[in-house]
Amino acid sequence: MKHLGLDVSTSCTGVCLLNESGEIEKLGFIDLSKAKGLIAKANLFRDELVAWMPETDPDDLLVSVEEAAQAFRRGLSSAKTIATLNQFNGMVQLIASDLTHHDVMTVLPVVCRGASGIKVKPEKKCGVSTKEQVREAFERSTGIKLPNKELKSGPRKGKFVFDTRNYDAIDAWVVSRWSWLSKH
């Protein structure tokens, strides 16, 4: 079985496909930021996911999704944001289940990181964000450095910076790795 991990967001959904040996077959993200409304985003997600897995037998694919936020985080999540994300997460799960003919597994990010041996320290103690700590663990584990993007405008025009959408791809890798590890 191959393992497809999804890090669901309404603006950008990370996607990682691991082969039977647990190696990355495909890694990236589906940019949903230009689609307006949840239905349009869900339709775009479905189309992009189908394009993502043309050589993969859907019956040979286990899908795991990072659970949506269920609690408020200071300064980040309003009740409306959590409700919208949960709605979209459910849509993504339904689409993935429909395409693969399997139930979708959901998992908390902390469980995925723990299974992969990724230890995250509080940012206040180490000065490094959780996203950056997970990125560093990903790079150590895989040897892959994800690409930067060139800024097209503003005072830093022409500079290359880490493409933050890659954080979603990395989180999808953590989810798919959890799925693979749980079956081996």
N, C-alpha and C. Protein backbone atom coordinates (compact mmCIF):
# COMPACT_ATOMS: atom_id res chain seq x y z
N MET A 1 0.83 -1.20 0.00
CA MET A 1 0.00 0.00 0.00
C MET A 1 0.87 1.25 0.00
N LYS A 2 0.39 2.26 -0.72
CA LYS A 2 1.01 3.57 -0.69
C LYS A 2 0.26 4.40 0.34
N HIS A 3 0.91 5.45 0.82
CA HIS A 3 0.33 6.28 1.88
C HIS A 3 0.30 7.73 1.42
N LEU A 4 -0.90 8.29 1.40
CA LEU A 4 -1.10 9.68 1.02
C LEU A 4 -1.44 10.47 2.27
N GLY A 5 -0.61 11.46 2.59
CA GLY A 5 -0.85 12.32 3.73
C GLY A 5 -1.31 13.69 3.26
N LEU A 6 -2.30 14.25 3.96
CA LEU A 6 -2.83 15.57 3.63
C LEU A 6 -2.80 16.47 4.86
N ASP A 7 -2.31 17.67 4.66
CA ASP A 7 -2.38 18.71 5.68
C ASP A 7 -3.36 19.74 5.15
N VAL A 8 -4.58 19.69 5.64
CA VAL A 8 -5.69 20.44 5.05
C VAL A 8 -5.75 21.87 5.57
N SER A 9 -5.88 22.78 4.63
CA SER A 9 -6.13 24.18 4.92
C SER A 9 -6.96 24.72 3.76
N THR A 10 -7.71 25.77 4.01
CA THR A 10 -8.53 26.33 2.94
C THR A 10 -7.73 27.17 1.97
N SER A 11 -6.49 27.51 2.30
CA SER A 11 -5.67 28.30 1.38
C SER A 11 -4.64 27.44 0.65
N CYS A 12 -4.12 26.42 1.33
CA CYS A 12 -3.09 25.57 0.74
C CYS A 12 -3.10 24.23 1.46
N THR A 13 -3.26 23.16 0.71
CA THR A 13 -3.28 21.83 1.30
C THR A 13 -2.03 21.08 0.90
N GLY A 14 -1.27 20.66 1.91
CA GLY A 14 -0.05 19.89 1.67
C GLY A 14 -0.40 18.47 1.29
N VAL A 15 0.40 17.90 0.38
CA VAL A 15 0.17 16.54 -0.11
C VAL A 15 1.50 15.81 -0.16
N CYS A 16 1.51 14.58 0.39
CA CYS A 16 2.71 13.75 0.31
C CYS A 16 2.30 12.31 0.05
N LEU A 17 2.92 11.72 -0.96
CA LEU A 17 2.67 10.33 -1.32
C LEU A 17 3.93 9.52 -1.04
N LEU A 18 3.80 8.53 -0.15
CA LEU A 18 4.91 7.62 0.14
C LEU A 18 4.67 6.29 -0.56
N ASN A 19 5.73 5.70 -1.08
CA ASN A 19 5.60 4.38 -1.70
C ASN A 19 5.56 3.30 -0.63
N GLU A 20 5.52 2.06 -1.06
CA GLU A 20 5.39 0.93 -0.13
C GLU A 20 6.57 0.83 0.83
N SER A 21 7.72 1.39 0.45
CA SER A 21 8.92 1.36 1.30
C SER A 21 9.02 2.56 2.23
N GLY A 22 8.04 3.46 2.16
CA GLY A 22 8.05 4.64 3.02
C GLY A 22 8.86 5.79 2.47
N GLU A 23 9.26 5.70 1.20
CA GLU A 23 10.03 6.77 0.56
C GLU A 23 9.09 7.72 -0.15
N ILE A 24 9.49 8.98 -0.22
CA ILE A 24 8.66 9.99 -0.88
C ILE A 24 8.60 9.72 -2.37
N GLU A 25 7.38 9.58 -2.87
CA GLU A 25 7.15 9.44 -4.30
C GLU A 25 6.80 10.79 -4.90
N LYS A 26 5.96 11.55 -4.17
CA LYS A 26 5.57 12.90 -4.57
C LYS A 26 5.38 13.74 -3.32
N LEU A 27 5.75 15.00 -3.42
CA LEU A 27 5.62 15.92 -2.30
C LEU A 27 5.31 17.30 -2.84
N GLY A 28 4.32 17.95 -2.27
CA GLY A 28 4.00 19.30 -2.73
C GLY A 28 2.77 19.84 -2.03
N PHE A 29 2.09 20.71 -2.72
CA PHE A 29 0.91 21.35 -2.14
C PHE A 29 -0.07 21.69 -3.25
N ILE A 30 -1.30 21.83 -2.83
CA ILE A 30 -2.36 22.28 -3.74
C ILE A 30 -2.77 23.67 -3.27
N ASP A 31 -2.49 24.66 -4.11
CA ASP A 31 -2.79 26.05 -3.77
C ASP A 31 -4.26 26.32 -4.03
N LEU A 32 -4.99 26.61 -2.98
CA LEU A 32 -6.43 26.85 -3.07
C LEU A 32 -6.78 28.32 -2.84
N SER A 33 -5.77 29.16 -2.73
CA SER A 33 -5.99 30.54 -2.30
C SER A 33 -6.82 31.37 -3.28
N LYS A 34 -6.80 31.03 -4.53
CA LYS A 34 -7.53 31.83 -5.51
C LYS A 34 -8.99 31.40 -5.68
N ALA A 35 -9.33 30.21 -5.20
CA ALA A 35 -10.71 29.73 -5.30
C ALA A 35 -11.56 30.45 -4.25
N LYS A 36 -12.74 30.85 -4.64
CA LYS A 36 -13.64 31.57 -3.74
C LYS A 36 -14.75 30.66 -3.25
N GLY A 37 -14.85 30.50 -1.94
CA GLY A 37 -15.90 29.68 -1.35
C GLY A 37 -15.47 28.23 -1.18
N LEU A 38 -16.06 27.56 -0.18
CA LEU A 38 -15.66 26.20 0.14
C LEU A 38 -15.95 25.20 -0.98
N ILE A 39 -17.06 25.36 -1.67
CA ILE A 39 -17.40 24.42 -2.75
C ILE A 39 -16.38 24.54 -3.88
N ALA A 40 -16.03 25.75 -4.26
CA ALA A 40 -15.02 25.96 -5.31
C ALA A 40 -13.68 25.39 -4.88
N LYS A 41 -13.32 25.59 -3.62
CA LYS A 41 -12.06 25.04 -3.10
C LYS A 41 -12.09 23.51 -3.12
N ALA A 42 -13.21 22.92 -2.73
CA ALA A 42 -13.34 21.46 -2.72
C ALA A 42 -13.26 20.90 -4.14
N ASN A 43 -13.90 21.56 -5.11
CA ASN A 43 -13.83 21.10 -6.49
C ASN A 43 -12.41 21.21 -7.03
N LEU A 44 -11.72 22.31 -6.73
CA LEU A 44 -10.33 22.47 -7.15
C LEU A 44 -9.46 21.40 -6.49
N PHE A 45 -9.68 21.15 -5.21
CA PHE A 45 -8.91 20.11 -4.51
C PHE A 45 -9.10 18.77 -5.20
N ARG A 46 -10.35 18.40 -5.51
CA ARG A 46 -10.63 17.12 -6.16
C ARG A 46 -9.88 17.03 -7.50
N ASP A 47 -9.99 18.07 -8.31
CA ASP A 47 -9.32 18.06 -9.62
C ASP A 47 -7.81 17.92 -9.47
N GLU A 48 -7.24 18.66 -8.55
CA GLU A 48 -5.78 18.62 -8.35
C GLU A 48 -5.34 17.28 -7.78
N LEU A 49 -6.13 16.71 -6.88
CA LEU A 49 -5.77 15.42 -6.30
C LEU A 49 -5.81 14.32 -7.37
N VAL A 50 -6.80 14.36 -8.22
CA VAL A 50 -6.88 13.39 -9.33
C VAL A 50 -5.64 13.53 -10.22
N ALA A 51 -5.25 14.76 -10.53
CA ALA A 51 -4.05 14.99 -11.34
C ALA A 51 -2.78 14.54 -10.63
N TRP A 52 -2.81 14.57 -9.32
CA TRP A 52 -1.65 14.21 -8.50
C TRP A 52 -1.37 12.72 -8.52
N MET A 53 -2.37 11.90 -8.70
CA MET A 53 -2.18 10.46 -8.55
C MET A 53 -2.55 9.67 -9.80
N PRO A 54 -2.08 10.07 -11.00
CA PRO A 54 -2.50 9.36 -12.21
C PRO A 54 -1.98 7.91 -12.31
N GLU A 55 -0.78 7.64 -11.80
CA GLU A 55 -0.22 6.29 -11.92
C GLU A 55 -0.56 5.42 -10.72
N THR A 56 -1.24 5.95 -9.75
CA THR A 56 -1.52 5.23 -8.52
C THR A 56 -2.90 4.57 -8.57
N ASP A 57 -2.93 3.28 -8.29
CA ASP A 57 -4.19 2.56 -8.19
C ASP A 57 -4.90 3.05 -6.92
N PRO A 58 -6.07 3.68 -7.05
CA PRO A 58 -6.75 4.22 -5.87
C PRO A 58 -7.03 3.18 -4.79
N ASP A 59 -7.23 1.93 -5.20
CA ASP A 59 -7.50 0.87 -4.22
C ASP A 59 -6.25 0.51 -3.43
N ASP A 60 -5.08 0.96 -3.90
CA ASP A 60 -3.80 0.66 -3.26
C ASP A 60 -3.27 1.89 -2.50
N LEU A 61 -4.19 2.71 -2.01
CA LEU A 61 -3.81 3.98 -1.41
C LEU A 61 -4.53 4.21 -0.09
N LEU A 62 -3.76 4.37 0.98
CA LEU A 62 -4.32 4.75 2.27
C LEU A 62 -4.15 6.25 2.45
N VAL A 63 -5.21 6.92 2.86
CA VAL A 63 -5.17 8.37 3.03
C VAL A 63 -5.28 8.72 4.51
N SER A 64 -4.40 9.61 4.93
CA SER A 64 -4.42 10.12 6.30
C SER A 64 -4.48 11.64 6.24
N VAL A 65 -5.27 12.21 7.13
CA VAL A 65 -5.49 13.65 7.16
C VAL A 65 -5.21 14.17 8.56
N GLU A 66 -4.50 15.28 8.62
CA GLU A 66 -4.28 15.93 9.91
C GLU A 66 -5.62 16.47 10.40
N GLU A 67 -5.94 16.15 11.65
CA GLU A 67 -7.21 16.62 12.22
C GLU A 67 -7.24 18.14 12.27
N ALA A 68 -8.41 18.68 12.05
CA ALA A 68 -8.59 20.13 12.10
C ALA A 68 -8.54 20.60 13.55
N ALA A 69 -8.22 21.86 13.72
CA ALA A 69 -8.16 22.46 15.06
C ALA A 69 -9.50 22.32 15.76
N GLN A 70 -9.44 21.96 17.03
CA GLN A 70 -10.68 21.81 17.79
C GLN A 70 -10.72 22.73 19.00
N ALA A 71 -9.70 23.55 19.12
CA ALA A 71 -9.65 24.48 20.26
C ALA A 71 -9.07 25.80 19.78
N PHE A 72 -9.39 26.84 20.52
CA PHE A 72 -8.88 28.16 20.18
C PHE A 72 -7.41 28.27 20.54
N ARG A 73 -6.66 28.96 19.68
CA ARG A 73 -5.28 29.28 20.00
C ARG A 73 -5.18 30.79 19.98
N ARG A 74 -4.65 31.32 21.06
CA ARG A 74 -4.59 32.77 21.24
C ARG A 74 -4.09 33.48 19.97
N GLY A 75 -4.92 34.39 19.48
CA GLY A 75 -4.54 35.22 18.34
C GLY A 75 -4.62 34.54 16.99
N LEU A 76 -5.02 33.27 16.93
CA LEU A 76 -5.00 32.57 15.65
C LEU A 76 -6.37 32.08 15.19
N SER A 77 -7.12 31.46 16.06
CA SER A 77 -8.33 30.76 15.61
C SER A 77 -9.59 31.30 16.27
N SER A 78 -10.47 31.84 15.44
CA SER A 78 -11.78 32.25 15.93
C SER A 78 -12.73 31.07 15.76
N ALA A 79 -13.88 31.15 16.37
CA ALA A 79 -14.88 30.08 16.23
C ALA A 79 -15.25 29.91 14.76
N LYS A 80 -15.37 31.00 14.02
CA LYS A 80 -15.72 30.93 12.60
C LYS A 80 -14.61 30.23 11.81
N THR A 81 -13.37 30.56 12.10
CA THR A 81 -12.24 29.93 11.41
C THR A 81 -12.22 28.43 11.66
N ILE A 82 -12.40 28.03 12.91
CA ILE A 82 -12.40 26.60 13.26
C ILE A 82 -13.55 25.89 12.56
N ALA A 83 -14.73 26.50 12.56
CA ALA A 83 -15.89 25.88 11.91
C ALA A 83 -15.65 25.72 10.40
N THR A 84 -15.12 26.74 9.76
CA THR A 84 -14.85 26.69 8.33
C THR A 84 -13.81 25.62 8.01
N LEU A 85 -12.75 25.57 8.78
CA LEU A 85 -11.71 24.58 8.56
C LEU A 85 -12.24 23.16 8.77
N ASN A 86 -13.07 22.97 9.78
CA ASN A 86 -13.66 21.66 10.01
C ASN A 86 -14.59 21.25 8.86
N GLN A 87 -15.36 22.20 8.34
CA GLN A 87 -16.21 21.90 7.19
C GLN A 87 -15.36 21.46 6.01
N PHE A 88 -14.31 22.22 5.73
CA PHE A 88 -13.47 21.90 4.58
C PHE A 88 -12.72 20.59 4.79
N ASN A 89 -12.26 20.35 6.01
CA ASN A 89 -11.57 19.10 6.32
C ASN A 89 -12.50 17.92 6.02
N GLY A 90 -13.76 18.03 6.41
CA GLY A 90 -14.74 16.99 6.12
C GLY A 90 -14.95 16.79 4.63
N MET A 91 -14.99 17.88 3.88
CA MET A 91 -15.13 17.78 2.42
C MET A 91 -13.94 17.04 1.82
N VAL A 92 -12.75 17.40 2.27
CA VAL A 92 -11.52 16.76 1.76
C VAL A 92 -11.54 15.27 2.08
N GLN A 93 -11.94 14.93 3.30
CA GLN A 93 -12.00 13.51 3.67
C GLN A 93 -12.99 12.76 2.78
N LEU A 94 -14.14 13.34 2.52
CA LEU A 94 -15.14 12.71 1.67
C LEU A 94 -14.60 12.52 0.25
N ILE A 95 -13.96 13.53 -0.28
CA ILE A 95 -13.38 13.44 -1.63
C ILE A 95 -12.32 12.35 -1.67
N ALA A 96 -11.41 12.35 -0.70
CA ALA A 96 -10.34 11.35 -0.68
C ALA A 96 -10.91 9.94 -0.54
N SER A 97 -11.91 9.78 0.30
CA SER A 97 -12.54 8.47 0.48
C SER A 97 -13.22 8.02 -0.80
N ASP A 98 -13.90 8.93 -1.46
CA ASP A 98 -14.58 8.64 -2.71
C ASP A 98 -13.59 8.22 -3.80
N LEU A 99 -12.45 8.90 -3.87
CA LEU A 99 -11.46 8.60 -4.91
C LEU A 99 -10.69 7.31 -4.64
N THR A 100 -10.51 6.96 -3.37
CA THR A 100 -9.66 5.81 -3.04
C THR A 100 -10.44 4.57 -2.61
N HIS A 101 -11.72 4.73 -2.36
CA HIS A 101 -12.57 3.62 -1.92
C HIS A 101 -12.16 3.09 -0.55
N HIS A 102 -11.53 3.92 0.26
CA HIS A 102 -11.12 3.56 1.62
C HIS A 102 -11.58 4.65 2.59
N ASP A 103 -11.77 4.26 3.84
CA ASP A 103 -11.98 5.26 4.88
C ASP A 103 -10.70 6.07 5.03
N VAL A 104 -10.83 7.31 5.42
CA VAL A 104 -9.69 8.18 5.64
C VAL A 104 -9.37 8.18 7.13
N MET A 105 -8.09 8.03 7.45
CA MET A 105 -7.66 8.09 8.85
C MET A 105 -7.36 9.54 9.21
N THR A 106 -7.74 9.95 10.41
CA THR A 106 -7.40 11.28 10.89
C THR A 106 -6.49 11.14 12.10
N VAL A 107 -5.63 12.13 12.26
CA VAL A 107 -4.62 12.05 13.32
C VAL A 107 -4.22 13.46 13.75
N LEU A 108 -3.91 13.59 15.02
CA LEU A 108 -3.42 14.87 15.55
C LEU A 108 -1.96 15.08 15.16
N PRO A 109 -1.58 16.31 14.87
CA PRO A 109 -0.19 16.58 14.48
C PRO A 109 0.83 16.11 15.51
N VAL A 110 0.54 16.28 16.78
CA VAL A 110 1.49 15.89 17.83
C VAL A 110 1.72 14.38 17.82
N VAL A 111 0.69 13.60 17.49
CA VAL A 111 0.83 12.15 17.40
C VAL A 111 1.74 11.79 16.22
N CYS A 112 1.54 12.46 15.10
CA CYS A 112 2.38 12.20 13.91
C CYS A 112 3.84 12.51 14.19
N ARG A 113 4.08 13.67 14.78
CA ARG A 113 5.47 14.05 15.07
C ARG A 113 6.11 13.07 16.03
N GLY A 114 5.37 12.66 17.06
CA GLY A 114 5.91 11.71 18.03
C GLY A 114 6.27 10.38 17.39
N ALA A 115 5.41 9.88 16.52
CA ALA A 115 5.67 8.60 15.85
C ALA A 115 6.92 8.67 14.98
N SER A 116 7.19 9.85 14.43
CA SER A 116 8.37 10.03 13.58
C SER A 116 9.61 10.43 14.37
N GLY A 117 9.48 10.53 15.69
CA GLY A 117 10.62 10.90 16.51
C GLY A 117 10.98 12.37 16.43
N ILE A 118 10.04 13.19 16.02
CA ILE A 118 10.28 14.63 15.93
C ILE A 118 9.90 15.27 17.25
N LYS A 119 10.89 15.77 17.93
CA LYS A 119 10.67 16.42 19.22
C LYS A 119 10.65 17.94 18.99
N VAL A 120 9.56 18.56 19.42
CA VAL A 120 9.40 20.00 19.24
C VAL A 120 9.46 20.66 20.61
N LYS A 121 10.35 21.64 20.71
CA LYS A 121 10.47 22.41 21.95
C LYS A 121 9.63 23.67 21.84
N PRO A 122 9.16 24.18 22.97
CA PRO A 122 8.41 25.45 22.93
C PRO A 122 9.28 26.57 22.33
N GLU A 123 8.69 27.36 21.46
CA GLU A 123 9.42 28.43 20.79
C GLU A 123 10.05 29.39 21.80
N LYS A 124 9.35 29.63 22.91
CA LYS A 124 9.89 30.55 23.92
C LYS A 124 11.20 30.05 24.51
N LYS A 125 11.37 28.72 24.54
CA LYS A 125 12.59 28.16 25.12
C LYS A 125 13.74 28.07 24.13
N CYS A 126 13.42 27.83 22.86
CA CYS A 126 14.50 27.61 21.89
C CYS A 126 14.61 28.71 20.84
N GLY A 127 13.61 29.57 20.73
CA GLY A 127 13.67 30.65 19.76
C GLY A 127 13.37 30.23 18.32
N VAL A 128 12.91 28.99 18.12
CA VAL A 128 12.63 28.49 16.78
C VAL A 128 11.17 28.02 16.75
N SER A 129 10.43 28.45 15.72
CA SER A 129 9.01 28.08 15.63
C SER A 129 8.86 26.58 15.42
N THR A 130 7.67 26.08 15.76
CA THR A 130 7.36 24.66 15.55
C THR A 130 7.54 24.30 14.09
N LYS A 131 7.04 25.14 13.18
CA LYS A 131 7.16 24.88 11.74
C LYS A 131 8.61 24.72 11.33
N GLU A 132 9.48 25.59 11.84
CA GLU A 132 10.91 25.51 11.49
C GLU A 132 11.57 24.27 12.10
N GLN A 133 11.17 23.90 13.30
CA GLN A 133 11.74 22.70 13.92
C GLN A 133 11.35 21.45 13.12
N VAL A 134 10.10 21.41 12.66
CA VAL A 134 9.64 20.27 11.86
C VAL A 134 10.35 20.28 10.50
N ARG A 135 10.53 21.47 9.93
CA ARG A 135 11.26 21.59 8.65
C ARG A 135 12.68 21.05 8.80
N GLU A 136 13.35 21.42 9.87
CA GLU A 136 14.72 20.94 10.11
C GLU A 136 14.75 19.41 10.25
N ALA A 137 13.77 18.86 10.97
CA ALA A 137 13.69 17.40 11.13
C ALA A 137 13.44 16.73 9.77
N PHE A 138 12.57 17.32 8.96
CA PHE A 138 12.29 16.80 7.62
C PHE A 138 13.57 16.77 6.78
N GLU A 139 14.31 17.88 6.78
CA GLU A 139 15.53 17.96 5.98
C GLU A 139 16.59 16.96 6.46
N ARG A 140 16.70 16.79 7.78
CA ARG A 140 17.66 15.79 8.31
C ARG A 140 17.25 14.38 7.90
N SER A 141 15.98 14.10 7.99
CA SER A 141 15.48 12.75 7.72
C SER A 141 15.53 12.38 6.24
N THR A 142 15.19 13.33 5.38
CA THR A 142 15.06 13.03 3.95
C THR A 142 16.24 13.50 3.11
N GLY A 143 16.98 14.47 3.61
CA GLY A 143 18.05 15.05 2.81
C GLY A 143 17.53 16.01 1.74
N ILE A 144 16.24 16.31 1.80
CA ILE A 144 15.61 17.18 0.81
C ILE A 144 15.52 18.61 1.34
N LYS A 145 15.97 19.56 0.53
CA LYS A 145 15.76 20.97 0.84
C LYS A 145 14.74 21.49 -0.17
N LEU A 146 13.61 21.92 0.34
CA LEU A 146 12.54 22.39 -0.54
C LEU A 146 12.89 23.76 -1.11
N PRO A 147 12.36 24.07 -2.29
CA PRO A 147 12.78 25.29 -3.00
C PRO A 147 12.29 26.59 -2.36
N ASN A 148 13.07 27.61 -2.64
CA ASN A 148 12.71 28.97 -2.27
C ASN A 148 11.91 29.57 -3.42
N LYS A 149 11.30 30.70 -3.15
CA LYS A 149 10.62 31.43 -4.22
C LYS A 149 11.19 32.83 -4.28
N GLU A 150 11.14 33.42 -5.46
CA GLU A 150 11.64 34.78 -5.65
C GLU A 150 10.51 35.76 -5.40
N LEU A 151 10.80 36.78 -4.58
CA LEU A 151 9.81 37.82 -4.31
C LEU A 151 9.70 38.71 -5.54
N LYS A 152 8.47 38.97 -5.97
CA LYS A 152 8.22 39.70 -7.22
C LYS A 152 8.00 41.20 -7.02
N SER A 153 7.76 41.61 -5.77
CA SER A 153 7.51 43.04 -5.54
C SER A 153 7.90 43.40 -4.12
N GLY A 154 7.80 44.67 -3.84
CA GLY A 154 8.10 45.15 -2.49
C GLY A 154 9.58 45.45 -2.30
N PRO A 155 9.92 45.84 -1.08
CA PRO A 155 11.31 46.25 -0.82
C PRO A 155 12.33 45.11 -0.95
N ARG A 156 11.84 43.88 -0.87
CA ARG A 156 12.77 42.74 -1.00
C ARG A 156 12.66 42.07 -2.37
N LYS A 157 12.12 42.79 -3.36
CA LYS A 157 11.96 42.27 -4.72
C LYS A 157 13.28 41.67 -5.20
N GLY A 158 13.17 40.47 -5.80
CA GLY A 158 14.37 39.80 -6.32
C GLY A 158 15.06 38.89 -5.31
N LYS A 159 14.69 38.99 -4.05
CA LYS A 159 15.27 38.13 -3.01
C LYS A 159 14.57 36.77 -3.05
N PHE A 160 15.30 35.75 -2.63
CA PHE A 160 14.73 34.40 -2.55
C PHE A 160 14.48 34.08 -1.09
N VAL A 161 13.26 33.61 -0.80
CA VAL A 161 12.87 33.25 0.56
C VAL A 161 12.20 31.88 0.52
N PHE A 162 12.16 31.23 1.68
CA PHE A 162 11.51 29.92 1.76
C PHE A 162 10.03 30.08 1.42
N ASP A 163 9.55 29.24 0.53
CA ASP A 163 8.14 29.26 0.13
C ASP A 163 7.33 28.64 1.27
N THR A 164 6.60 29.45 2.00
CA THR A 164 5.90 28.96 3.20
C THR A 164 4.85 27.90 2.89
N ARG A 165 4.43 27.78 1.64
CA ARG A 165 3.49 26.70 1.29
C ARG A 165 4.16 25.33 1.48
N ASN A 166 5.49 25.33 1.46
CA ASN A 166 6.22 24.07 1.68
C ASN A 166 6.05 23.56 3.10
N TYR A 167 5.72 24.42 4.06
CA TYR A 167 5.43 23.94 5.41
C TYR A 167 4.24 22.97 5.37
N ASP A 168 3.26 23.26 4.51
CA ASP A 168 2.11 22.37 4.38
C ASP A 168 2.53 21.03 3.79
N ALA A 169 3.43 21.07 2.81
CA ALA A 169 3.94 19.83 2.22
C ALA A 169 4.69 19.01 3.27
N ILE A 170 5.49 19.67 4.09
CA ILE A 170 6.23 18.98 5.14
C ILE A 170 5.27 18.37 6.15
N ASP A 171 4.25 19.12 6.54
CA ASP A 171 3.25 18.57 7.47
C ASP A 171 2.54 17.36 6.86
N ALA A 172 2.29 17.40 5.56
CA ALA A 172 1.68 16.24 4.88
C ALA A 172 2.63 15.05 4.92
N TRP A 173 3.94 15.30 4.80
CA TRP A 173 4.93 14.22 4.91
C TRP A 173 4.87 13.59 6.31
N VAL A 174 4.76 14.43 7.33
CA VAL A 174 4.68 13.91 8.70
C VAL A 174 3.44 13.02 8.85
N VAL A 175 2.32 13.43 8.27
CA VAL A 175 1.08 12.65 8.35
C VAL A 175 1.22 11.34 7.58
N SER A 176 1.77 11.40 6.37
CA SER A 176 1.91 10.16 5.58
C SER A 176 2.93 9.23 6.22
N ARG A 177 3.95 9.79 6.83
CA ARG A 177 4.96 8.97 7.53
C ARG A 177 4.32 8.25 8.72
N TRP A 178 3.46 8.96 9.46
CA TRP A 178 2.74 8.34 10.57
C TRP A 178 1.93 7.15 10.05
N SER A 179 1.22 7.35 8.94
CA SER A 179 0.41 6.28 8.37
C SER A 179 1.28 5.09 8.00
N TRP A 180 2.39 5.35 7.33
CA TRP A 180 3.30 4.28 6.91
C TRP A 180 3.86 3.55 8.14
N LEU A 181 4.32 4.31 9.13
CA LEU A 181 4.89 3.70 10.35
C LEU A 181 3.85 2.88 11.09
N SER A 182 2.60 3.34 11.10
CA SER A 182 1.56 2.61 11.83
C SER A 182 1.22 1.27 11.17
N LYS A 183 1.59 1.10 9.92
CA LYS A 183 1.32 -0.16 9.22
C LYS A 183 2.56 -1.05 9.12
N HIS A 184 3.69 -0.58 9.66
CA HIS A 184 4.93 -1.38 9.59
C HIS A 184 5.53 -1.60 10.96
